[in-house]
Amino acid sequence: LRMGDVDSTYTLLANLITPLGALGIPLYGWALNTSFAGSYLAINTLGMLMNLTAMVNVLPLQILTFSLWAVYRTWIFSAAYAYVAFFFGFKNFGKVNGLTLATAGAVSLSQLLLSIVSASFFGGEFFWLNAMFVGARVPLLGIVWWLWKQQV
């Protein structure tokens, strides 16, 4: 795979930036308490921006991608737990959350396959895979619309 980070500087930056997403937890909690729909719109937008910046083949821009990833991943986990608790109640929280995490873990295994596809068919470039992820996020706006209609 073509990375361009010959001295691991950007790998180090990614490892340093990613945990910093936790600094926004008070903001994520406030946003979730204010509006699920608004939070999910912001989360989906962050995901799209993250994939769009990852599509640009400029290594210094990837610092922004890492920052978007840090905020996105922390906020999506917070939102997922809040969503399950709100819509399924605490009686079903463990079952629904376990099913959600097991499904997410199974889907995460696709990263290996997608990396092989990228290396084999796209010369190690992830542009088309990121474009696919941006496209996959568009239908998620339907969830935001549904949440908005529910006034949550």
Protein backbone atom coordinates (compact mmCIF):
# COMPACT_ATOMS: atom_id res chain seq x y z
CA LEU A 1 0.00 0.00 0.00
CA ARG A 2 1.23 3.48 -0.81
CA MET A 3 1.26 5.56 2.34
CA GLY A 4 3.86 8.30 1.79
CA ASP A 5 4.63 8.52 5.52
CA VAL A 6 8.24 7.35 5.25
CA ASP A 7 9.32 8.32 8.77
CA SER A 8 6.04 7.44 10.58
CA THR A 9 5.37 11.05 11.55
CA TYR A 10 1.75 10.88 10.45
CA THR A 11 1.25 7.51 12.10
CA LEU A 12 2.47 9.06 15.34
CA LEU A 13 0.19 12.07 14.86
CA ALA A 14 -2.81 9.80 14.24
CA ASN A 15 -2.03 7.88 17.42
CA LEU A 16 -1.74 11.12 19.40
CA ILE A 17 -4.80 12.84 17.94
CA THR A 18 -7.27 9.93 18.12
CA PRO A 19 -7.69 9.83 21.93
CA LEU A 20 -8.15 13.62 22.02
CA GLY A 21 -11.70 13.09 20.73
CA ALA A 22 -12.61 12.27 24.33
CA LEU A 23 -12.10 15.94 25.24
CA GLY A 24 -15.39 16.69 23.48
CA ILE A 25 -17.49 14.30 25.57
CA PRO A 26 -19.24 17.13 27.48
CA LEU A 27 -20.17 18.72 24.15
CA TYR A 28 -21.39 15.39 22.74
CA GLY A 29 -23.49 14.77 25.85
CA TRP A 30 -25.01 18.25 25.67
CA ALA A 31 -25.79 17.82 21.96
CA LEU A 32 -27.39 14.42 22.53
CA ASN A 33 -29.50 15.81 25.37
CA THR A 34 -30.54 18.71 23.15
CA SER A 35 -31.43 16.72 20.02
CA PHE A 36 -30.73 13.18 18.82
CA ALA A 37 -31.52 14.29 15.29
CA GLY A 38 -29.11 17.21 15.43
CA SER A 39 -26.42 15.00 16.91
CA TYR A 40 -26.86 12.32 14.28
CA LEU A 41 -26.81 14.94 11.53
CA ALA A 42 -23.51 16.29 12.93
CA ILE A 43 -22.09 12.77 13.29
CA ASN A 44 -23.04 11.78 9.75
CA THR A 45 -21.63 15.06 8.41
CA LEU A 46 -18.38 14.47 10.31
CA GLY A 47 -18.17 10.99 8.80
CA MET A 48 -18.71 12.34 5.30
CA LEU A 49 -16.11 15.08 5.82
CA MET A 50 -13.67 12.53 7.20
CA ASN A 51 -14.04 10.33 4.13
CA LEU A 52 -13.89 13.32 1.78
CA THR A 53 -10.66 14.62 3.31
CA ALA A 54 -9.21 11.11 3.20
CA MET A 55 -9.90 11.10 -0.56
CA VAL A 56 -7.52 14.03 -1.09
CA ASN A 57 -4.01 12.76 -1.73
CA VAL A 58 -2.27 15.47 0.33
CA LEU A 59 -0.52 14.05 3.36
CA PRO A 60 -0.62 17.18 5.60
CA LEU A 61 -4.40 17.35 5.05
CA GLN A 62 -4.65 13.97 6.77
CA ILE A 63 -4.07 15.71 10.10
CA LEU A 64 -7.57 17.14 9.61
CA THR A 65 -8.79 13.65 8.70
CA PHE A 66 -7.32 12.29 11.96
CA SER A 67 -9.01 15.10 13.90
CA LEU A 68 -12.37 14.41 12.27
CA TRP A 69 -11.90 10.70 12.99
CA ALA A 70 -11.15 11.43 16.67
CA VAL A 71 -14.33 13.46 17.13
CA TYR A 72 -16.45 11.14 14.96
CA ARG A 73 -15.54 7.88 16.68
CA THR A 74 -16.02 9.21 20.21
CA TRP A 75 -19.32 10.91 19.38
CA ILE A 76 -20.73 7.92 17.45
CA PHE A 77 -20.02 5.58 20.37
CA SER A 78 -21.64 8.02 22.81
CA ALA A 79 -24.64 8.43 20.52
CA ALA A 80 -25.04 4.70 19.94
CA TYR A 81 -25.23 3.94 23.67
CA ALA A 82 -27.64 6.83 24.26
CA TYR A 83 -29.80 5.74 21.31
CA VAL A 84 -30.08 2.16 22.55
CA ALA A 85 -30.93 3.27 26.09
CA PHE A 86 -33.53 5.81 24.89
CA PHE A 87 -35.33 3.70 22.29
CA PHE A 88 -35.00 0.20 23.75
CA GLY A 89 -34.92 0.94 27.48
CA PHE A 90 -32.58 -0.37 30.10
CA LYS A 91 -34.34 -3.74 30.22
CA ASN A 92 -33.15 -4.51 26.68
CA PHE A 93 -29.97 -2.43 26.75
CA GLY A 94 -27.56 -5.33 27.21
CA LYS A 95 -29.11 -7.51 24.50
CA VAL A 96 -29.44 -4.77 21.91
CA ASN A 97 -26.03 -3.32 22.67
CA GLY A 98 -24.42 -6.76 22.53
CA LEU A 99 -26.05 -7.47 19.18
CA THR A 100 -24.97 -4.06 17.89
CA LEU A 101 -21.36 -4.52 18.99
CA ALA A 102 -21.20 -8.08 17.63
CA THR A 103 -22.53 -6.87 14.27
CA ALA A 104 -20.08 -3.96 14.25
CA GLY A 105 -17.23 -6.35 15.03
CA ALA A 106 -18.22 -8.64 12.16
CA VAL A 107 -18.45 -5.69 9.77
CA SER A 108 -15.05 -4.46 10.98
CA LEU A 109 -13.53 -7.63 9.61
CA SER A 110 -14.29 -6.24 6.16
CA GLN A 111 -11.35 -3.85 6.62
CA LEU A 112 -8.95 -6.64 5.74
CA LEU A 113 -10.89 -7.52 2.60
CA LEU A 114 -11.18 -3.85 1.60
CA SER A 115 -7.42 -3.36 2.09
CA ILE A 116 -6.77 -6.36 -0.16
CA VAL A 117 -9.19 -4.95 -2.76
CA SER A 118 -7.44 -1.60 -2.59
CA ALA A 119 -4.01 -3.16 -3.00
CA SER A 120 -5.10 -5.49 -5.79
CA PHE A 121 -7.38 -3.29 -7.89
CA PHE A 122 -6.62 0.33 -7.01
CA GLY A 123 -2.84 0.33 -6.63
CA GLY A 124 -3.08 0.81 -2.88
CA GLU A 125 -5.17 3.96 -3.21
CA PHE A 126 -8.22 4.26 -0.97
CA PHE A 127 -9.97 6.98 -2.99
CA TRP A 128 -12.73 4.75 -4.36
CA LEU A 129 -13.29 3.01 -1.05
CA ASN A 130 -13.70 6.37 0.68
CA ALA A 131 -16.05 7.48 -2.10
CA MET A 132 -18.07 4.32 -1.43
CA PHE A 133 -18.25 5.20 2.28
CA VAL A 134 -19.42 8.74 1.49
CA GLY A 135 -22.15 7.23 -0.71
CA ALA A 136 -23.10 4.74 2.00
CA ARG A 137 -23.62 7.60 4.45
CA VAL A 138 -26.19 9.36 2.26
CA PRO A 139 -29.04 6.95 3.14
CA LEU A 140 -28.21 7.48 6.83
CA LEU A 141 -29.68 10.94 6.42
CA GLY A 142 -33.02 9.08 6.38
CA ILE A 143 -32.43 8.13 10.02
CA VAL A 144 -31.81 11.79 10.82
CA TRP A 145 -35.06 12.72 9.08
CA TRP A 146 -36.93 10.02 11.02
CA LEU A 147 -35.44 11.22 14.32
CA TRP A 148 -36.38 14.78 13.43
CA LYS A 149 -39.99 13.69 12.77
CA GLN A 150 -40.00 11.96 16.17
CA GLN A 151 -38.86 15.22 17.80
CA VAL A 152 -35.93 13.56 19.58
